[in-house]
Amino acid sequence: MSRIQLLLIGLLLLAAGFAGGWAMHRSTVVNRIHEVARMREASGFEDMLYRRIEATPEQRATLGPIVQRYGTLIDSMHQHFGADRRATIEQMHEEIKPLLSEEQVAKLDRFSRRFEMRDGHPKKRRKRD
């Protein structure tokens, strides 16, 4: 084999390793983001807590009512936070729109619609129900 062929093989292996590492890292990060997002829900919070403390089945039965109560509170807090944040953003939009050009208002509206289309957004839920 010539040096050029060996060099090309080496570069291809390096590129394959880089691509594989990048894909694996991305997968790990995406899974972690979903895991953290799931903790916002009552059931996800409970599951994570039990896994972290390595609770036995007997402990789960004993801790269940307490953890469920707090899980529900955490779930409610996240829902209220999201609603409050959306209301604040909508209020800001109404205040700044008179100061923008028509083109800027259109861009702001397109930007806002992107978030309305995300899963879990109340406007999207209403359309599905």
C-alpha atoms as a PDB file:
ATOM      1  CA  MET A   1       0.000   0.000   0.000  1.00  0.00           C
ATOM      2  CA  SER A   2       1.229   3.440  -0.774  1.00  0.00           C
ATOM      3  CA  ARG A   3       1.579   6.206   1.769  1.00  0.00           C
ATOM      4  CA  ILE A   4      -1.334   8.108   0.224  1.00  0.00           C
ATOM      5  CA  GLN A   5      -3.657   5.127   0.658  1.00  0.00           C
ATOM      6  CA  LEU A   6      -2.558   4.682   4.289  1.00  0.00           C
ATOM      7  CA  LEU A   7      -3.048   8.389   4.916  1.00  0.00           C
ATOM      8  CA  LEU A   8      -6.542   8.286   3.384  1.00  0.00           C
ATOM      9  CA  ILE A   9      -7.471   5.229   5.464  1.00  0.00           C
ATOM     10  CA  GLY A  10      -6.214   6.987   8.581  1.00  0.00           C
ATOM     11  CA  LEU A  11      -8.187  10.133   7.778  1.00  0.00           C
ATOM     12  CA  LEU A  12     -11.342   8.106   7.090  1.00  0.00           C
ATOM     13  CA  LEU A  13     -10.963   6.264  10.404  1.00  0.00           C
ATOM     14  CA  LEU A  14     -10.414   9.570  12.200  1.00  0.00           C
ATOM     15  CA  ALA A  15     -13.503  11.062  10.537  1.00  0.00           C
ATOM     16  CA  ALA A  16     -15.571   7.975  11.387  1.00  0.00           C
ATOM     17  CA  GLY A  17     -14.439   8.175  15.016  1.00  0.00           C
ATOM     18  CA  PHE A  18     -15.264  11.852  15.177  1.00  0.00           C
ATOM     19  CA  ALA A  19     -18.723  11.308  13.657  1.00  0.00           C
ATOM     20  CA  GLY A  20     -19.452   8.384  15.984  1.00  0.00           C
ATOM     21  CA  GLY A  21     -18.315  10.347  19.033  1.00  0.00           C
ATOM     22  CA  TRP A  22     -20.400  13.350  18.036  1.00  0.00           C
ATOM     23  CA  ALA A  23     -23.505  11.205  17.490  1.00  0.00           C
ATOM     24  CA  MET A  24     -23.049   9.461  20.826  1.00  0.00           C
ATOM     25  CA  HIS A  25     -22.512  12.734  22.674  1.00  0.00           C
ATOM     26  CA  ARG A  26     -25.594  14.267  21.057  1.00  0.00           C
ATOM     27  CA  SER A  27     -27.689  11.247  21.986  1.00  0.00           C
ATOM     28  CA  THR A  28     -26.492  11.445  25.589  1.00  0.00           C
ATOM     29  CA  VAL A  29     -27.262  15.163  25.823  1.00  0.00           C
ATOM     30  CA  VAL A  30     -30.726  14.773  24.299  1.00  0.00           C
ATOM     31  CA  ASN A  31     -31.535  11.944  26.712  1.00  0.00           C
ATOM     32  CA  ARG A  32     -30.383  14.055  29.657  1.00  0.00           C
ATOM     33  CA  ILE A  33     -32.502  17.010  28.542  1.00  0.00           C
ATOM     34  CA  HIS A  34     -35.570  14.760  28.276  1.00  0.00           C
ATOM     35  CA  GLU A  35     -34.814  13.284  31.699  1.00  0.00           C
ATOM     36  CA  VAL A  36     -34.657  16.735  33.297  1.00  0.00           C
ATOM     37  CA  ALA A  37     -37.845  17.813  31.493  1.00  0.00           C
ATOM     38  CA  ARG A  38     -39.615  14.674  32.728  1.00  0.00           C
ATOM     39  CA  MET A  39     -38.817  15.667  36.317  1.00  0.00           C
ATOM     40  CA  ARG A  40     -41.238  18.580  35.884  1.00  0.00           C
ATOM     41  CA  GLU A  41     -44.091  16.064  35.845  1.00  0.00           C
ATOM     42  CA  ALA A  42     -45.257  14.451  39.059  1.00  0.00           C
ATOM     43  CA  SER A  43     -44.628  10.875  37.901  1.00  0.00           C
ATOM     44  CA  GLY A  44     -41.192  11.761  36.498  1.00  0.00           C
ATOM     45  CA  PHE A  45     -40.213  13.451  39.763  1.00  0.00           C
ATOM     46  CA  GLU A  46     -41.277  10.407  41.764  1.00  0.00           C
ATOM     47  CA  ASP A  47     -39.424   7.963  39.515  1.00  0.00           C
ATOM     48  CA  MET A  48     -36.239  10.038  39.600  1.00  0.00           C
ATOM     49  CA  LEU A  49     -36.319  10.404  43.387  1.00  0.00           C
ATOM     50  CA  TYR A  50     -36.833   6.690  43.927  1.00  0.00           C
ATOM     51  CA  ARG A  51     -34.003   5.847  41.531  1.00  0.00           C
ATOM     52  CA  ARG A  52     -31.622   8.360  43.139  1.00  0.00           C
ATOM     53  CA  ILE A  53     -32.171   7.109  46.671  1.00  0.00           C
ATOM     54  CA  GLU A  54     -32.463   3.475  45.515  1.00  0.00           C
ATOM     55  CA  ALA A  55     -35.712   3.033  47.419  1.00  0.00           C
ATOM     56  CA  THR A  56     -36.845  -0.466  48.257  1.00  0.00           C
ATOM     57  CA  PRO A  57     -40.413  -1.521  47.416  1.00  0.00           C
ATOM     58  CA  GLU A  58     -41.327  -1.174  51.102  1.00  0.00           C
ATOM     59  CA  GLN A  59     -39.905   2.368  51.202  1.00  0.00           C
ATOM     60  CA  ARG A  60     -41.772   3.262  48.025  1.00  0.00           C
ATOM     61  CA  ALA A  61     -45.024   2.181  49.651  1.00  0.00           C
ATOM     62  CA  THR A  62     -44.268   4.224  52.780  1.00  0.00           C
ATOM     63  CA  LEU A  63     -42.935   7.285  50.974  1.00  0.00           C
ATOM     64  CA  GLY A  64     -45.528   7.173  48.192  1.00  0.00           C
ATOM     65  CA  PRO A  65     -48.181   9.518  49.614  1.00  0.00           C
ATOM     66  CA  ILE A  66     -45.602  12.137  50.639  1.00  0.00           C
ATOM     67  CA  VAL A  67     -43.650  12.030  47.383  1.00  0.00           C
ATOM     68  CA  GLN A  68     -46.868  12.084  45.315  1.00  0.00           C
ATOM     69  CA  ARG A  69     -48.073  15.178  47.157  1.00  0.00           C
ATOM     70  CA  TYR A  70     -44.824  17.048  46.516  1.00  0.00           C
ATOM     71  CA  GLY A  71     -44.597  15.756  42.958  1.00  0.00           C
ATOM     72  CA  THR A  72     -48.029  17.202  42.270  1.00  0.00           C
ATOM     73  CA  LEU A  73     -46.937  20.546  43.770  1.00  0.00           C
ATOM     74  CA  ILE A  74     -43.810  20.622  41.599  1.00  0.00           C
ATOM     75  CA  ASP A  75     -45.857  19.776  38.514  1.00  0.00           C
ATOM     76  CA  SER A  76     -48.263  22.606  39.346  1.00  0.00           C
ATOM     77  CA  MET A  77     -45.393  25.057  39.911  1.00  0.00           C
ATOM     78  CA  HIS A  78     -43.973  24.349  36.455  1.00  0.00           C
ATOM     79  CA  GLN A  79     -47.373  24.766  34.817  1.00  0.00           C
ATOM     80  CA  HIS A  80     -47.980  28.097  36.570  1.00  0.00           C
ATOM     81  CA  PHE A  81     -44.476  29.283  35.753  1.00  0.00           C
ATOM     82  CA  GLY A  82     -45.005  28.549  32.056  1.00  0.00           C
ATOM     83  CA  ALA A  83     -48.380  30.315  32.013  1.00  0.00           C
ATOM     84  CA  ASP A  84     -46.975  33.347  33.857  1.00  0.00           C
ATOM     85  CA  ARG A  85     -44.009  33.526  31.514  1.00  0.00           C
ATOM     86  CA  ARG A  86     -46.233  33.368  28.428  1.00  0.00           C
ATOM     87  CA  ALA A  87     -48.518  36.097  29.823  1.00  0.00           C
ATOM     88  CA  THR A  88     -45.512  38.316  30.541  1.00  0.00           C
ATOM     89  CA  ILE A  89     -44.116  37.796  27.045  1.00  0.00           C
ATOM     90  CA  GLU A  90     -47.498  38.547  25.456  1.00  0.00           C
ATOM     91  CA  GLN A  91     -47.757  41.729  27.552  1.00  0.00           C
ATOM     92  CA  MET A  92     -44.279  42.790  26.401  1.00  0.00           C
ATOM     93  CA  HIS A  93     -45.216  42.108  22.758  1.00  0.00           C
ATOM     94  CA  GLU A  94     -48.301  44.313  23.040  1.00  0.00           C
ATOM     95  CA  GLU A  95     -46.182  47.082  24.542  1.00  0.00           C
ATOM     96  CA  ILE A  96     -43.415  46.977  21.934  1.00  0.00           C
ATOM     97  CA  LYS A  97     -45.505  46.388  18.790  1.00  0.00           C
ATOM     98  CA  PRO A  98     -46.447  50.084  18.412  1.00  0.00           C
ATOM     99  CA  LEU A  99     -42.717  50.890  18.361  1.00  0.00           C
ATOM    100  CA  LEU A 100     -41.883  48.429  15.567  1.00  0.00           C
ATOM    101  CA  SER A 101     -42.197  48.612  11.808  1.00  0.00           C
ATOM    102  CA  GLU A 102     -44.734  46.382  10.047  1.00  0.00           C
ATOM    103  CA  GLU A 103     -41.927  44.088   8.928  1.00  0.00           C
ATOM    104  CA  GLN A 104     -40.635  43.777  12.488  1.00  0.00           C
ATOM    105  CA  VAL A 105     -44.135  43.045  13.805  1.00  0.00           C
ATOM    106  CA  ALA A 106     -44.475  40.278  11.207  1.00  0.00           C
ATOM    107  CA  LYS A 107     -41.128  38.823  12.302  1.00  0.00           C
ATOM    108  CA  LEU A 108     -42.181  39.009  15.950  1.00  0.00           C
ATOM    109  CA  ASP A 109     -45.445  37.222  15.136  1.00  0.00           C
ATOM    110  CA  ARG A 110     -43.595  34.459  13.227  1.00  0.00           C
ATOM    111  CA  PHE A 111     -41.194  34.119  16.148  1.00  0.00           C
ATOM    112  CA  SER A 112     -44.120  33.819  18.591  1.00  0.00           C
ATOM    113  CA  ARG A 113     -45.904  31.209  16.444  1.00  0.00           C
ATOM    114  CA  ARG A 114     -42.839  28.964  16.634  1.00  0.00           C
ATOM    115  CA  PHE A 115     -43.387  28.612  20.363  1.00  0.00           C
ATOM    116  CA  GLU A 116     -47.143  28.180  20.055  1.00  0.00           C
ATOM    117  CA  MET A 117     -46.572  25.109  17.887  1.00  0.00           C
ATOM    118  CA  ARG A 118     -44.398  23.338  20.453  1.00  0.00           C
ATOM    119  CA  ASP A 119     -45.861  20.336  22.239  1.00  0.00           C
ATOM    120  CA  GLY A 120     -47.431  21.189  25.542  1.00  0.00           C
ATOM    121  CA  HIS A 121     -48.302  24.777  24.660  1.00  0.00           C
ATOM    122  CA  PRO A 122     -51.837  25.583  25.860  1.00  0.00           C
ATOM    123  CA  LYS A 123     -52.958  26.909  22.465  1.00  0.00           C
ATOM    124  CA  LYS A 124     -51.891  23.653  20.803  1.00  0.00           C
ATOM    125  CA  ARG A 125     -53.612  21.593  23.511  1.00  0.00           C
ATOM    126  CA  ARG A 126     -56.863  23.482  22.990  1.00  0.00           C
ATOM    127  CA  LYS A 127     -56.761  22.705  19.273  1.00  0.00           C
ATOM    128  CA  ARG A 128     -56.282  18.981  19.980  1.00  0.00           C
ATOM    129  CA  ASP A 129     -59.051  18.741  22.596  1.00  0.00           C
END
